[in-house]
C-alpha atoms as a PDB file:
ATOM      1  CA  MET A   1    -145.978-220.451  35.125  1.00  0.00           C
ATOM      2  CA  THR A   2    -144.113-221.144  38.339  1.00  0.00           C
ATOM      3  CA  SER A   3    -142.355-224.473  38.408  1.00  0.00           C
ATOM      4  CA  LYS A   4    -142.834-226.762  41.349  1.00  0.00           C
ATOM      5  CA  PRO A   5    -139.810-226.789  43.684  1.00  0.00           C
ATOM      6  CA  ASP A   6    -137.776-229.948  43.812  1.00  0.00           C
ATOM      7  CA  SER A   7    -138.722-231.677  47.052  1.00  0.00           C
ATOM      8  CA  SER A   8    -135.627-233.875  47.034  1.00  0.00           C
ATOM      9  CA  SER A   9    -133.240-230.910  46.788  1.00  0.00           C
ATOM     10  CA  SER A  10    -135.112-228.979  49.485  1.00  0.00           C
ATOM     11  CA  SER A  11    -135.064-231.955  51.852  1.00  0.00           C
ATOM     12  CA  SER A  12    -131.357-232.418  51.154  1.00  0.00           C
ATOM     13  CA  SER A  13    -130.633-228.775  51.990  1.00  0.00           C
ATOM     14  CA  GLU A  14    -132.664-229.096  55.175  1.00  0.00           C
ATOM     15  CA  ILE A  15    -130.615-232.102  56.219  1.00  0.00           C
ATOM     16  CA  GLU A  16    -127.375-230.227  55.537  1.00  0.00           C
ATOM     17  CA  THR A  17    -128.631-227.228  57.534  1.00  0.00           C
ATOM     18  CA  ASN A  18    -129.562-229.430  60.474  1.00  0.00           C
ATOM     19  CA  ASP A  19    -126.175-231.139  60.334  1.00  0.00           C
ATOM     20  CA  ALA A  20    -124.417-227.755  60.359  1.00  0.00           C
ATOM     21  CA  ARG A  21    -126.447-226.656  63.370  1.00  0.00           C
ATOM     22  CA  ASP A  22    -125.585-229.850  65.196  1.00  0.00           C
ATOM     23  CA  VAL A  23    -121.889-229.253  64.487  1.00  0.00           C
ATOM     24  CA  LEU A  24    -122.107-225.686  65.832  1.00  0.00           C
ATOM     25  CA  ARG A  25    -123.911-226.876  68.926  1.00  0.00           C
ATOM     26  CA  GLU A  26    -121.343-229.604  69.570  1.00  0.00           C
ATOM     27  CA  ARG A  27    -118.374-227.262  69.093  1.00  0.00           C
ATOM     28  CA  ALA A  28    -119.909-224.661  71.422  1.00  0.00           C
ATOM     29  CA  ARG A  29    -120.676-227.321  74.042  1.00  0.00           C
ATOM     30  CA  ASP A  30    -117.089-228.608  73.969  1.00  0.00           C
ATOM     31  CA  ALA A  31    -115.633-225.086  74.163  1.00  0.00           C
ATOM     32  CA  ILE A  32    -117.798-224.211  77.153  1.00  0.00           C
ATOM     33  CA  ALA A  33    -116.884-227.440  78.931  1.00  0.00           C
ATOM     34  CA  LYS A  34    -113.139-227.011  78.302  1.00  0.00           C
ATOM     35  CA  GLN A  35    -112.814-223.303  79.128  1.00  0.00           C
ATOM     36  CA  PRO A  36    -109.765-222.594  81.305  1.00  0.00           C
ATOM     37  CA  ALA A  37    -111.519-220.129  83.601  1.00  0.00           C
ATOM     38  CA  ARG A  38    -111.557-221.217  87.218  1.00  0.00           C
ATOM     39  CA  THR A  39    -114.913-219.568  87.818  1.00  0.00           C
ATOM     40  CA  VAL A  40    -117.316-220.425  85.029  1.00  0.00           C
ATOM     41  CA  THR A  41    -119.804-217.646  84.329  1.00  0.00           C
ATOM     42  CA  ILE A  42    -122.125-216.682  81.534  1.00  0.00           C
ATOM     43  CA  LEU A  43    -119.585-214.150  80.289  1.00  0.00           C
ATOM     44  CA  SER A  44    -116.664-216.617  80.339  1.00  0.00           C
ATOM     45  CA  SER A  45    -118.798-219.201  78.539  1.00  0.00           C
ATOM     46  CA  LEU A  46    -119.761-216.693  75.848  1.00  0.00           C
ATOM     47  CA  LEU A  47    -116.086-215.792  75.344  1.00  0.00           C
ATOM     48  CA  ALA A  48    -115.132-219.469  75.066  1.00  0.00           C
ATOM     49  CA  ALA A  49    -117.858-220.124  72.504  1.00  0.00           C
ATOM     50  CA  GLN A  50    -116.913-217.099  70.370  1.00  0.00           C
ATOM     51  CA  ASP A  51    -113.223-218.004  70.478  1.00  0.00           C
ATOM     52  CA  GLU A  52    -114.138-221.415  69.080  1.00  0.00           C
ATOM     53  CA  LEU A  53    -116.732-220.379  66.476  1.00  0.00           C
ATOM     54  CA  GLY A  54    -115.709-216.807  65.641  1.00  0.00           C
ATOM     55  CA  TYR A  55    -119.175-215.547  66.524  1.00  0.00           C
ATOM     56  CA  LEU A  56    -122.164-216.395  68.703  1.00  0.00           C
ATOM     57  CA  PRO A  57    -124.898-218.251  66.817  1.00  0.00           C
ATOM     58  CA  VAL A  58    -128.218-219.103  68.409  1.00  0.00           C
ATOM     59  CA  GLU A  59    -126.904-222.625  69.116  1.00  0.00           C
ATOM     60  CA  ALA A  60    -124.074-221.176  71.233  1.00  0.00           C
ATOM     61  CA  ILE A  61    -126.508-218.979  73.186  1.00  0.00           C
ATOM     62  CA  ASP A  62    -128.665-222.041  73.888  1.00  0.00           C
ATOM     63  CA  GLU A  63    -125.667-224.092  75.036  1.00  0.00           C
ATOM     64  CA  VAL A  64    -124.492-221.359  77.408  1.00  0.00           C
ATOM     65  CA  ALA A  65    -128.017-221.093  78.829  1.00  0.00           C
ATOM     66  CA  ALA A  66    -128.210-224.864  79.318  1.00  0.00           C
ATOM     67  CA  ARG A  67    -124.786-225.018  81.014  1.00  0.00           C
ATOM     68  CA  MET A  68    -125.480-222.092  83.356  1.00  0.00           C
ATOM     69  CA  THR A  69    -129.135-223.077  83.963  1.00  0.00           C
ATOM     70  CA  ALA A  70    -130.233-219.650  82.768  1.00  0.00           C
ATOM     71  CA  SER A  71    -132.767-218.515  80.220  1.00  0.00           C
ATOM     72  CA  ALA A  72    -131.741-217.818  76.659  1.00  0.00           C
ATOM     73  CA  ASN A  73    -133.069-214.237  77.011  1.00  0.00           C
ATOM     74  CA  SER A  74    -130.792-213.479  79.952  1.00  0.00           C
ATOM     75  CA  VAL A  75    -127.762-214.899  78.116  1.00  0.00           C
ATOM     76  CA  TRP A  76    -128.675-212.873  75.023  1.00  0.00           C
ATOM     77  CA  GLY A  77    -128.984-209.726  77.133  1.00  0.00           C
ATOM     78  CA  ILE A  78    -125.446-210.149  78.471  1.00  0.00           C
ATOM     79  CA  ALA A  79    -123.977-210.997  75.057  1.00  0.00           C
ATOM     80  CA  SER A  80    -125.629-208.023  73.317  1.00  0.00           C
ATOM     81  CA  PHE A  81    -124.356-205.629  75.980  1.00  0.00           C
ATOM     82  CA  TYR A  82    -120.692-206.101  75.051  1.00  0.00           C
ATOM     83  CA  PRO A  83    -119.583-204.786  71.648  1.00  0.00           C
ATOM     84  CA  ASN A  84    -116.847-207.410  71.366  1.00  0.00           C
ATOM     85  CA  PHE A  85    -119.407-210.126  70.719  1.00  0.00           C
ATOM     86  CA  ARG A  86    -120.692-210.669  67.204  1.00  0.00           C
ATOM     87  CA  PHE A  87    -123.698-212.691  66.093  1.00  0.00           C
ATOM     88  CA  THR A  88    -123.003-213.213  62.387  1.00  0.00           C
ATOM     89  CA  PRO A  89    -120.261-215.381  60.849  1.00  0.00           C
ATOM     90  CA  PRO A  90    -117.053-213.449  60.171  1.00  0.00           C
ATOM     91  CA  ASN A  91    -115.197-213.488  56.890  1.00  0.00           C
ATOM     92  CA  ARG A  92    -112.415-215.983  56.294  1.00  0.00           C
ATOM     93  CA  HIS A  93    -109.643-213.726  57.659  1.00  0.00           C
ATOM     94  CA  LYS A  94    -109.728-211.352  60.617  1.00  0.00           C
ATOM     95  CA  VAL A  95    -107.708-208.133  60.776  1.00  0.00           C
ATOM     96  CA  GLU A  96    -107.751-206.095  63.982  1.00  0.00           C
ATOM     97  CA  LEU A  97    -106.346-202.627  64.569  1.00  0.00           C
ATOM     98  CA  CYS A  98    -105.568-201.606  68.116  1.00  0.00           C
ATOM     99  CA  TRP A  99    -107.615-198.546  69.033  1.00  0.00           C
ATOM    100  CA  GLY A 100    -106.125-198.009  72.479  1.00  0.00           C
ATOM    101  CA  PRO A 101    -104.828-194.597  73.574  1.00  0.00           C
ATOM    102  CA  THR A 102    -101.156-195.424  72.980  1.00  0.00           C
ATOM    103  CA  CYS A 103    -101.661-196.875  69.493  1.00  0.00           C
ATOM    104  CA  HIS A 104    -104.058-194.055  68.645  1.00  0.00           C
ATOM    105  CA  VAL A 105    -101.436-191.470  69.511  1.00  0.00           C
ATOM    106  CA  LEU A 106     -98.732-193.368  67.595  1.00  0.00           C
ATOM    107  CA  GLY A 107    -100.653-193.388  64.312  1.00  0.00           C
ATOM    108  CA  ALA A 108    -103.531-195.904  64.393  1.00  0.00           C
ATOM    109  CA  GLN A 109    -105.921-193.264  63.008  1.00  0.00           C
ATOM    110  CA  HIS A 110    -103.676-192.684  59.967  1.00  0.00           C
ATOM    111  CA  ILE A 111    -103.455-196.439  59.335  1.00  0.00           C
ATOM    112  CA  LEU A 112    -107.225-196.814  59.577  1.00  0.00           C
ATOM    113  CA  GLN A 113    -107.982-193.965  57.169  1.00  0.00           C
ATOM    114  CA  GLY A 114    -105.583-195.368  54.604  1.00  0.00           C
ATOM    115  CA  LEU A 115    -106.661-199.003  55.004  1.00  0.00           C
ATOM    116  CA  LEU A 116    -110.419-198.513  54.679  1.00  0.00           C
ATOM    117  CA  PRO A 117    -110.323-197.540  50.961  1.00  0.00           C
ATOM    118  CA  GLN A 118    -108.114-200.535  50.232  1.00  0.00           C
ATOM    119  CA  LEU A 119    -110.783-202.815  51.694  1.00  0.00           C
ATOM    120  CA  GLY A 120    -113.758-200.942  50.222  1.00  0.00           C
ATOM    121  CA  LEU A 121    -115.115-200.125  53.683  1.00  0.00           C
ATOM    122  CA  ASP A 122    -116.320-196.973  55.414  1.00  0.00           C
ATOM    123  CA  ASN A 123    -115.684-198.314  58.888  1.00  0.00           C
ATOM    124  CA  GLU A 124    -114.941-201.610  60.578  1.00  0.00           C
ATOM    125  CA  GLY A 125    -116.855-204.505  59.073  1.00  0.00           C
ATOM    126  CA  GLU A 126    -116.685-207.248  56.446  1.00  0.00           C
ATOM    127  CA  THR A 127    -115.521-206.924  52.874  1.00  0.00           C
ATOM    128  CA  GLU A 128    -118.035-207.923  50.218  1.00  0.00           C
ATOM    129  CA  ASP A 129    -115.786-210.637  48.795  1.00  0.00           C
ATOM    130  CA  GLY A 130    -115.947-212.523  52.098  1.00  0.00           C
ATOM    131  CA  VAL A 131    -112.187-212.405  52.615  1.00  0.00           C
ATOM    132  CA  ILE A 132    -111.422-209.910  55.409  1.00  0.00           C
ATOM    133  CA  SER A 133    -113.206-208.758  58.521  1.00  0.00           C
ATOM    134  CA  LEU A 134    -111.775-205.510  59.904  1.00  0.00           C
ATOM    135  CA  LYS A 135    -112.290-204.798  63.570  1.00  0.00           C
ATOM    136  CA  LEU A 136    -111.141-202.047  65.906  1.00  0.00           C
ATOM    137  CA  ASN A 137    -109.869-203.649  69.110  1.00  0.00           C
ATOM    138  CA  THR A 138    -109.989-201.735  72.364  1.00  0.00           C
ATOM    139  CA  CYS A 139    -106.488-202.912  73.242  1.00  0.00           C
ATOM    140  CA  LEU A 140    -104.275-205.695  71.943  1.00  0.00           C
ATOM    141  CA  GLY A 141    -102.059-205.505  75.029  1.00  0.00           C
ATOM    142  CA  VAL A 142     -98.765-204.641  73.309  1.00  0.00           C
ATOM    143  CA  CYS A 143     -98.629-200.907  73.909  1.00  0.00           C
ATOM    144  CA  ALA A 144     -94.817-200.877  73.823  1.00  0.00           C
ATOM    145  CA  HIS A 145     -94.985-202.011  70.180  1.00  0.00           C
ATOM    146  CA  GLY A 146     -97.695-199.626  69.011  1.00  0.00           C
ATOM    147  CA  PRO A 147     -99.274-199.023  66.716  1.00  0.00           C
ATOM    148  CA  ALA A 148    -100.221-202.692  66.734  1.00  0.00           C
ATOM    149  CA  MET A 149    -102.399-204.856  64.538  1.00  0.00           C
ATOM    150  CA  SER A 150    -103.484-208.489  64.516  1.00  0.00           C
ATOM    151  CA  PHE A 151    -103.711-210.589  61.346  1.00  0.00           C
ATOM    152  CA  ASP A 152    -105.552-213.876  61.900  1.00  0.00           C
ATOM    153  CA  GLU A 153    -104.624-213.770  65.615  1.00  0.00           C
ATOM    154  CA  GLU A 154    -100.941-213.028  64.890  1.00  0.00           C
ATOM    155  CA  LEU A 155     -99.702-209.771  66.394  1.00  0.00           C
ATOM    156  CA  ALA A 156     -97.582-207.299  64.430  1.00  0.00           C
ATOM    157  CA  GLY A 157     -96.096-204.212  66.070  1.00  0.00           C
ATOM    158  CA  HIS A 158     -94.621-200.890  64.975  1.00  0.00           C
ATOM    159  CA  MET A 159     -97.154-200.902  62.162  1.00  0.00           C
ATOM    160  CA  SER A 160     -97.241-198.423  59.302  1.00  0.00           C
ATOM    161  CA  LEU A 161     -99.810-197.890  56.561  1.00  0.00           C
ATOM    162  CA  ASP A 162     -97.573-199.372  53.854  1.00  0.00           C
ATOM    163  CA  LYS A 163     -96.819-202.432  55.966  1.00  0.00           C
ATOM    164  CA  ALA A 164    -100.495-202.896  56.809  1.00  0.00           C
ATOM    165  CA  ILE A 165    -101.461-202.709  53.112  1.00  0.00           C
ATOM    166  CA  ARG A 166     -98.742-205.242  52.178  1.00  0.00           C
ATOM    167  CA  LEU A 167     -99.941-207.701  54.835  1.00  0.00           C
ATOM    168  CA  VAL A 168    -103.560-207.289  53.735  1.00  0.00           C
ATOM    169  CA  GLU A 169    -102.595-207.898  50.100  1.00  0.00           C
ATOM    170  CA  ARG A 170    -100.622-210.972  51.168  1.00  0.00           C
ATOM    171  CA  ILE A 171    -103.702-212.310  52.943  1.00  0.00           C
ATOM    172  CA  LYS A 172    -105.801-211.727  49.830  1.00  0.00           C
ATOM    173  CA  ALA A 173    -103.264-213.490  47.601  1.00  0.00           C
ATOM    174  CA  TYR A 174    -103.097-216.409  50.023  1.00  0.00           C
ATOM    175  CA  ASP A 175    -106.875-216.626  50.128  1.00  0.00           C
ATOM    176  CA  GLU A 176    -107.024-216.684  46.317  1.00  0.00           C
ATOM    177  CA  GLU A 177    -104.537-219.546  46.244  1.00  0.00           C
ATOM    178  CA  VAL A 178    -106.512-221.436  48.839  1.00  0.00           C
ATOM    179  CA  GLU A 179    -109.769-220.840  47.016  1.00  0.00           C
ATOM    180  CA  ARG A 180    -108.152-221.923  43.762  1.00  0.00           C
ATOM    181  CA  GLY A 181    -106.925-225.067  45.473  1.00  0.00           C
ATOM    182  CA  VAL A 182    -110.391-225.664  46.863  1.00  0.00           C
ATOM    183  CA  LEU A 183    -111.883-225.286  43.398  1.00  0.00           C
ATOM    184  CA  ILE A 184    -109.293-227.669  41.978  1.00  0.00           C
ATOM    185  CA  LEU A 185    -110.074-230.198  44.695  1.00  0.00           C
ATOM    186  CA  LYS A 186    -113.771-229.818  43.974  1.00  0.00           C
ATOM    187  CA  ASP A 187    -113.121-230.372  40.272  1.00  0.00           C
ATOM    188  CA  VAL A 188    -111.041-233.441  41.081  1.00  0.00           C
ATOM    189  CA  GLU A 189    -113.745-234.815  43.348  1.00  0.00           C
ATOM    190  CA  ARG A 190    -116.357-234.079  40.700  1.00  0.00           C
ATOM    191  CA  SER A 191    -114.270-235.848  38.072  1.00  0.00           C
ATOM    192  CA  LYS A 192    -113.797-238.819  40.371  1.00  0.00           C
ATOM    193  CA  ALA A 193    -117.516-238.968  40.983  1.00  0.00           C
ATOM    194  CA  GLU A 194    -118.238-238.826  37.242  1.00  0.00           C
ATOM    195  CA  ILE A 195    -115.678-241.551  36.522  1.00  0.00           C
ATOM    196  CA  ALA A 196    -117.105-243.706  39.293  1.00  0.00           C
ATOM    197  CA  ALA A 197    -120.623-243.167  37.969  1.00  0.00           C
ATOM    198  CA  LYS A 198    -119.572-244.114  34.433  1.00  0.00           C
ATOM    199  CA  ALA A 199    -117.735-247.176  35.732  1.00  0.00           C
ATOM    200  CA  ALA A 200    -120.822-248.196  37.684  1.00  0.00           C
ATOM    201  CA  VAL A 201    -122.957-247.830  34.547  1.00  0.00           C
ATOM    202  CA  ARG A 202    -120.503-249.927  32.531  1.00  0.00           C
ATOM    203  CA  THR A 203    -120.408-252.570  35.238  1.00  0.00           C
ATOM    204  CA  ALA A 204    -124.198-252.674  35.346  1.00  0.00           C
ATOM    205  CA  GLU A 205    -124.369-252.960  31.552  1.00  0.00           C
ATOM    206  CA  ARG A 206    -121.848-255.802  31.530  1.00  0.00           C
ATOM    207  CA  ALA A 207    -123.737-257.581  34.295  1.00  0.00           C
ATOM    208  CA  ALA A 208    -126.978-257.189  32.378  1.00  0.00           C
ATOM    209  CA  MET A 209    -125.354-258.521  29.196  1.00  0.00           C
ATOM    210  CA  ALA A 210    -123.896-261.502  31.060  1.00  0.00           C
ATOM    211  CA  GLN A 211    -127.255-262.199  32.665  1.00  0.00           C
ATOM    212  CA  ALA A 212    -129.007-261.996  29.300  1.00  0.00           C
ATOM    213  CA  ALA A 213    -126.442-264.340  27.721  1.00  0.00           C
ATOM    214  CA  ALA A 214    -126.847-266.807  30.576  1.00  0.00           C
ATOM    215  CA  ALA A 215    -130.628-266.665  30.243  1.00  0.00           C
ATOM    216  CA  GLU A 216    -130.367-267.206  26.486  1.00  0.00           C
ATOM    217  CA  ALA A 217    -128.044-270.186  26.942  1.00  0.00           C
ATOM    218  CA  ALA A 218    -130.355-271.678  29.568  1.00  0.00           C
ATOM    219  CA  ALA A 219    -133.355-271.227  27.270  1.00  0.00           C
ATOM    220  CA  LYS A 220    -131.503-272.859  24.387  1.00  0.00           C
ATOM    221  CA  LEU A 221    -130.478-275.804  26.553  1.00  0.00           C
ATOM    222  CA  ALA A 222    -134.031-276.206  27.824  1.00  0.00           C
ATOM    223  CA  ALA A 223    -135.327-276.192  24.243  1.00  0.00           C
ATOM    224  CA  GLU A 224    -132.831-278.884  23.229  1.00  0.00           C
ATOM    225  CA  GLU A 225    -133.790-281.015  26.220  1.00  0.00           C
ATOM    226  CA  GLU A 226    -137.458-280.619  25.383  1.00  0.00           C
ATOM    227  CA  ALA A 227    -136.863-281.585  21.735  1.00  0.00           C
ATOM    228  CA  ARG A 228    -134.847-284.638  22.789  1.00  0.00           C
ATOM    229  CA  ALA A 229    -137.552-285.725  25.220  1.00  0.00           C
ATOM    230  CA  GLN A 230    -140.224-285.295  22.548  1.00  0.00           C
ATOM    231  CA  ALA A 231    -138.192-287.372  20.044  1.00  0.00           C
ATOM    232  CA  ASP A 232    -137.756-290.142  22.600  1.00  0.00           C
ATOM    233  CA  ALA A 233    -141.479-290.142  23.268  1.00  0.00           C
ATOM    234  CA  GLU A 234    -142.322-290.483  19.544  1.00  0.00           C
ATOM    235  CA  TRP A 235    -139.818-293.356  18.885  1.00  0.00           C
ATOM    236  CA  PRO A 236    -141.695-296.775  18.308  1.00  0.00           C
ATOM    237  CA  THR A 237    -141.020-299.371  21.032  1.00  0.00           C
ATOM    238  CA  THR A 238    -142.854-302.569  19.794  1.00  0.00           C
ATOM    239  CA  GLU A 239    -140.252-305.086  20.921  1.00  0.00           C
ATOM    240  CA  VAL A 240    -137.950-305.078  23.823  1.00  0.00           C
ATOM    241  CA  GLU A 241    -134.480-305.453  22.468  1.00  0.00           C
ATOM    242  CA  LYS A 242    -132.414-308.097  24.124  1.00  0.00           C
ATOM    243  CA  ALA A 243    -129.309-306.985  25.770  1.00  0.00           C
ATOM    244  CA  PRO A 244    -126.283-308.014  23.674  1.00  0.00           C
ATOM    245  CA  GLN A 245    -124.231-310.861  25.063  1.00  0.00           C
ATOM    246  CA  PRO A 246    -120.779-310.022  26.126  1.00  0.00           C
ATOM    247  CA  PRO A 247    -118.160-311.122  23.514  1.00  0.00           C
ATOM    248  CA  VAL A 248    -116.251-314.352  24.121  1.00  0.00           C
ATOM    249  CA  ALA A 249    -112.631-313.906  24.848  1.00  0.00           C
ATOM    250  CA  ALA A 250    -110.285-314.798  21.927  1.00  0.00           C
ATOM    251  CA  SER A 251    -108.203-317.124  24.098  1.00  0.00           C
ATOM    252  CA  ALA A 252    -111.262-319.217  24.936  1.00  0.00           C
ATOM    253  CA  VAL A 253    -112.126-319.597  21.242  1.00  0.00           C
ATOM    254  CA  VAL A 254    -108.574-320.741  20.411  1.00  0.00           C
ATOM    255  CA  ALA A 255    -108.645-323.244  23.266  1.00  0.00           C
ATOM    256  CA  GLU A 256    -111.940-324.709  22.100  1.00  0.00           C
ATOM    257  CA  ALA A 257    -110.583-325.026  18.517  1.00  0.00           C
ATOM    258  CA  ALA A 258    -107.443-326.857  19.747  1.00  0.00           C
ATOM    259  CA  VAL A 259    -109.505-329.324  21.779  1.00  0.00           C
ATOM    260  CA  ALA A 260    -111.716-330.027  18.798  1.00  0.00           C
ATOM    261  CA  GLU A 261    -108.654-330.657  16.591  1.00  0.00           C
ATOM    262  CA  GLU A 262    -107.158-333.113  19.111  1.00  0.00           C
ATOM    263  CA  ASP A 263    -110.427-334.926  19.348  1.00  0.00           C
ATOM    264  CA  ALA A 264    -110.464-335.341  15.573  1.00  0.00           C
ATOM    265  CA  LYS A 265    -106.927-336.804  15.442  1.00  0.00           C
ATOM    266  CA  SER A 266    -107.143-339.274  18.411  1.00  0.00           C
ATOM    267  CA  PRO A 267    -108.564-342.939  17.847  1.00  0.00           C
ATOM    268  CA  GLY A 268    -111.982-343.793  19.037  1.00  0.00           C
ATOM    269  CA  ASP A 269    -112.938-345.749  22.135  1.00  0.00           C
ATOM    270  CA  ASP A 270    -112.849-349.081  20.252  1.00  0.00           C
ATOM    271  CA  ALA A 271    -109.269-348.616  19.119  1.00  0.00           C
ATOM    272  CA  LEU A 272    -108.216-347.860  22.658  1.00  0.00           C
ATOM    273  CA  ALA A 273    -109.970-351.088  23.769  1.00  0.00           C
ATOM    274  CA  GLY A 274    -108.118-353.304  21.121  1.00  0.00           C
ATOM    275  CA  ASP A 275    -104.995-355.475  21.586  1.00  0.00           C
ATOM    276  CA  SER A 276    -102.163-353.063  21.026  1.00  0.00           C
ATOM    277  CA  PRO A 277     -98.765-354.264  22.248  1.00  0.00           C
ATOM    278  CA  SER A 278     -97.077-352.567  25.139  1.00  0.00           C
ATOM    279  CA  VAL A 279     -93.370-352.236  25.823  1.00  0.00           C
ATOM    280  CA  ASP A 280     -93.114-355.490  27.733  1.00  0.00           C
ATOM    281  CA  GLY A 281     -95.098-357.393  25.111  1.00  0.00           C
ATOM    282  CA  SER A 282     -98.372-357.391  26.983  1.00  0.00           C
ATOM    283  CA  THR A 283    -101.462-356.167  25.412  1.00  0.00           C
ATOM    284  CA  LEU A 284    -103.419-353.191  26.547  1.00  0.00           C
ATOM    285  CA  SER A 285    -106.340-355.549  27.169  1.00  0.00           C
ATOM    286  CA  GLY A 286    -104.374-357.240  29.976  1.00  0.00           C
ATOM    287  CA  GLU A 287    -104.112-360.744  28.439  1.00  0.00           C
ATOM    288  CA  GLU A 288    -100.879-362.658  28.529  1.00  0.00           C
ATOM    289  CA  PRO A 289     -99.112-363.122  25.204  1.00  0.00           C
ATOM    290  CA  SER A 290     -99.209-366.531  23.552  1.00  0.00           C
ATOM    291  CA  GLU A 291     -96.273-368.888  23.302  1.00  0.00           C
ATOM    292  CA  GLU A 292     -95.821-368.069  19.700  1.00  0.00           C
ATOM    293  CA  THR A 293     -95.634-364.408  20.450  1.00  0.00           C
ATOM    294  CA  LYS A 294     -93.115-364.990  23.120  1.00  0.00           C
ATOM    295  CA  ASP A 295     -90.891-367.060  20.786  1.00  0.00           C
ATOM    296  CA  ASP A 296     -91.034-364.337  18.188  1.00  0.00           C
END
C-alpha cells in the first residue's frame, strides 16, 4: 500500500526550490548589469552570467533575453553553439588542462592520460563524488609556461603528471576537510536546535504549572470567600448592637474623684454663712463686733 506523500514537506521543498531559483536569477541579473564589456551583447552577457554562476541555468538565459530584448530561443541558440558554455552545475572544484598547440606539444596529452584514471573519468567531465570537474581549455593564455593547468581559477605552469596528481589530491583532501567542517557545523546547529526545542518545552511546562497553581490558588480563595459570605448570611441579627462608647480617659476619672473628695471635706453652705471671726475681728457676716468682743 502506497503511503500518502507528506504535503507539508513537499510544499517546503517547493518553497526552497523557488527561493534557489530567485537567487540564481538575481545573481545572473547583477552579473549582466555589472559586466565590464564596453559593448554589451548576448555573448558578453552569457559569459558574465557563467562566470558568476559557473554554468548557465534557465534563469540566466531568461535574464540575458530580458536584458537584450531578445527571445529565449535565440539566446539559447547562441549559448549552445559555443562548447565553453555549460548548462548543468559544475562540481565543487574546477580543474582545467590547457589543450592549446604549445601545451599539447609540451606534454598535455601525457598529463591527461595519466590524470583521467586518477579521477575515474574517460574524458573531461565531472567526478561521481561531486568534487572535481575536469575540462580541456582551448588556451589558458600562458604558452610560455606550458604545459599549463588551472586549479579553481589559479594558474600553474610547467606542469608534470606527478605535480598534477599531487595538486588534485590536495584539492580532494581540502574538500574532505571542508565537508567534515560542514558536517560538524550541521551537527552543532542541529544540537542547538534540539537544545532550544527542549528549553522551549521546559519553559512551556513551567508556565503551564505556574498557571495551574495560580488557578488553583484563585479557586481556593474564591471558595473561602464564598464560605465566609455564606456564614455571614446565616448569622442571626435580631438586635442591632449598640456601638461601644469610647473609654473615659484615666486623668478625667482621677480629676472627678479629687473634686468629689474636696466636696466631702469642705463645710456646707450654712457653715460658710455663720459668724466666723476674720483676722481683723470682724465676722464673715459683715456685722461689727460688740463692745465686749472688742475689750477681749
